[in-house]
């Protein structure tokens, strides 16, 4: 289940970047594509967010990355799970 979930997350992250984004942000694409495990993908969310924000705006990027973040449910050690931010209204 972990391997399948990891690959689903990887594919979702690459899909968010899209064809144009994978060319424009080749380094991010490469890091996502070759991430060793689900924890590495967890830490790459910020890079994907930055790439999306550069092309689509921050609000759109935040919503899309949140959908991917939700996919990590049950796949990470408890210390890596997302916590609600006091900054979000």
C-alpha atoms as a PDB file:
ATOM      1  CA  UNK A   1       0.000   0.000   0.000  1.00  0.00           C
ATOM      2  CA  UNK A   2       2.828   2.408   0.819  1.00  0.00           C
ATOM      3  CA  UNK A   3       4.517   1.906  -2.568  1.00  0.00           C
ATOM      4  CA  UNK A   4       1.240   2.344  -4.412  1.00  0.00           C
ATOM      5  CA  UNK A   5       0.426   5.478  -2.415  1.00  0.00           C
ATOM      6  CA  UNK A   6       3.888   6.873  -3.054  1.00  0.00           C
ATOM      7  CA  UNK A   7       3.532   6.394  -6.797  1.00  0.00           C
ATOM      8  CA  UNK A   8       0.044   7.939  -6.777  1.00  0.00           C
ATOM      9  CA  UNK A   9       1.428  10.999  -4.987  1.00  0.00           C
ATOM     10  CA  UNK A  10       4.394  11.209  -7.371  1.00  0.00           C
ATOM     11  CA  UNK A  11       2.072  11.094 -10.393  1.00  0.00           C
ATOM     12  CA  UNK A  12      -0.254  13.688  -8.850  1.00  0.00           C
ATOM     13  CA  UNK A  13       2.646  16.068  -8.212  1.00  0.00           C
ATOM     14  CA  UNK A  14       3.912  15.678 -11.767  1.00  0.00           C
ATOM     15  CA  UNK A  15       0.395  16.182 -13.116  1.00  0.00           C
ATOM     16  CA  UNK A  16       0.102  19.439 -11.164  1.00  0.00           C
ATOM     17  CA  UNK A  17       3.226  20.724 -12.876  1.00  0.00           C
ATOM     18  CA  UNK A  18       1.805  19.782 -16.257  1.00  0.00           C
ATOM     19  CA  UNK A  19       3.744  19.504 -19.480  1.00  0.00           C
ATOM     20  CA  UNK A  20       4.829  23.152 -19.510  1.00  0.00           C
ATOM     21  CA  UNK A  21       5.821  23.079 -15.840  1.00  0.00           C
ATOM     22  CA  UNK A  22       7.881  19.925 -16.232  1.00  0.00           C
ATOM     23  CA  UNK A  23       9.945  21.692 -18.902  1.00  0.00           C
ATOM     24  CA  UNK A  24      10.097  25.036 -17.137  1.00  0.00           C
ATOM     25  CA  UNK A  25      10.938  23.547 -13.741  1.00  0.00           C
ATOM     26  CA  UNK A  26      13.060  20.601 -14.839  1.00  0.00           C
ATOM     27  CA  UNK A  27      14.948  20.452 -11.530  1.00  0.00           C
ATOM     28  CA  UNK A  28      11.738  20.146  -9.495  1.00  0.00           C
ATOM     29  CA  UNK A  29      10.394  17.577 -11.930  1.00  0.00           C
ATOM     30  CA  UNK A  30      13.566  15.517 -11.679  1.00  0.00           C
ATOM     31  CA  UNK A  31      13.533  15.631  -7.879  1.00  0.00           C
ATOM     32  CA  UNK A  32       9.882  14.518  -7.746  1.00  0.00           C
ATOM     33  CA  UNK A  33      10.411  11.800 -10.326  1.00  0.00           C
ATOM     34  CA  UNK A  34      13.414  10.319  -8.536  1.00  0.00           C
ATOM     35  CA  UNK A  35      12.395  10.848  -4.893  1.00  0.00           C
ATOM     36  CA  UNK A  36      13.250   7.704  -2.936  1.00  0.00           C
ATOM     37  CA  UNK A  37      10.221   7.535  -0.682  1.00  0.00           C
ATOM     38  CA  UNK A  38       7.046   9.175   0.537  1.00  0.00           C
ATOM     39  CA  UNK A  39       8.959  11.318   3.033  1.00  0.00           C
ATOM     40  CA  UNK A  40      11.080  12.810   0.257  1.00  0.00           C
ATOM     41  CA  UNK A  41       7.911  13.635  -1.667  1.00  0.00           C
ATOM     42  CA  UNK A  42       6.477  15.245   1.479  1.00  0.00           C
ATOM     43  CA  UNK A  43       9.388  17.662   1.612  1.00  0.00           C
ATOM     44  CA  UNK A  44       9.126  18.426  -2.123  1.00  0.00           C
ATOM     45  CA  UNK A  45       5.629  19.888  -1.713  1.00  0.00           C
ATOM     46  CA  UNK A  46       7.178  23.301  -1.095  1.00  0.00           C
ATOM     47  CA  UNK A  47       9.133  23.146  -4.349  1.00  0.00           C
ATOM     48  CA  UNK A  48       6.015  22.141  -6.271  1.00  0.00           C
ATOM     49  CA  UNK A  49       4.097  24.946  -4.547  1.00  0.00           C
ATOM     50  CA  UNK A  50       6.730  27.504  -5.567  1.00  0.00           C
ATOM     51  CA  UNK A  51       6.689  26.311  -9.179  1.00  0.00           C
ATOM     52  CA  UNK A  52       2.894  26.442  -9.341  1.00  0.00           C
ATOM     53  CA  UNK A  53       2.762  29.844  -7.658  1.00  0.00           C
ATOM     54  CA  UNK A  54       5.170  31.212 -10.259  1.00  0.00           C
ATOM     55  CA  UNK A  55       2.888  30.159 -13.088  1.00  0.00           C
ATOM     56  CA  UNK A  56      -0.637  30.155 -11.606  1.00  0.00           C
ATOM     57  CA  UNK A  57      -0.565  32.409  -8.582  1.00  0.00           C
ATOM     58  CA  UNK A  58      -0.258  31.530  -4.934  1.00  0.00           C
ATOM     59  CA  UNK A  59      -3.951  30.996  -4.149  1.00  0.00           C
ATOM     60  CA  UNK A  60      -4.398  28.485  -6.956  1.00  0.00           C
ATOM     61  CA  UNK A  61      -1.136  26.745  -6.103  1.00  0.00           C
ATOM     62  CA  UNK A  62      -2.096  26.446  -2.435  1.00  0.00           C
ATOM     63  CA  UNK A  63      -5.378  24.723  -3.256  1.00  0.00           C
ATOM     64  CA  UNK A  64      -3.766  22.280  -5.646  1.00  0.00           C
ATOM     65  CA  UNK A  65      -0.934  21.384  -3.289  1.00  0.00           C
ATOM     66  CA  UNK A  66      -3.482  20.871  -0.492  1.00  0.00           C
ATOM     67  CA  UNK A  67      -5.142  18.162  -2.575  1.00  0.00           C
ATOM     68  CA  UNK A  68      -1.794  16.368  -2.852  1.00  0.00           C
ATOM     69  CA  UNK A  69      -1.121  16.915   0.858  1.00  0.00           C
ATOM     70  CA  UNK A  70      -4.357  15.086   1.641  1.00  0.00           C
ATOM     71  CA  UNK A  71      -3.014  12.047  -0.246  1.00  0.00           C
ATOM     72  CA  UNK A  72      -0.272  11.595   2.387  1.00  0.00           C
ATOM     73  CA  UNK A  73      -2.865  10.665   5.033  1.00  0.00           C
ATOM     74  CA  UNK A  74      -1.786   7.455   6.747  1.00  0.00           C
ATOM     75  CA  UNK A  75       1.511   7.186   4.860  1.00  0.00           C
ATOM     76  CA  UNK A  76       3.769   9.314   7.060  1.00  0.00           C
ATOM     77  CA  UNK A  77       5.084   8.981  10.587  1.00  0.00           C
ATOM     78  CA  UNK A  78       3.016  11.074  12.995  1.00  0.00           C
ATOM     79  CA  UNK A  79       5.746  13.679  13.370  1.00  0.00           C
ATOM     80  CA  UNK A  80       5.505  14.616   9.676  1.00  0.00           C
ATOM     81  CA  UNK A  81       1.760  15.057   9.403  1.00  0.00           C
ATOM     82  CA  UNK A  82       0.389  18.473   8.593  1.00  0.00           C
ATOM     83  CA  UNK A  83      -0.933  20.487  11.480  1.00  0.00           C
ATOM     84  CA  UNK A  84      -3.615  23.162  11.187  1.00  0.00           C
ATOM     85  CA  UNK A  85      -2.044  26.573  10.800  1.00  0.00           C
ATOM     86  CA  UNK A  86      -3.163  29.444  13.021  1.00  0.00           C
ATOM     87  CA  UNK A  87      -2.562  31.676  10.000  1.00  0.00           C
ATOM     88  CA  UNK A  88      -5.362  30.131   7.964  1.00  0.00           C
ATOM     89  CA  UNK A  89      -8.727  31.731   8.528  1.00  0.00           C
END
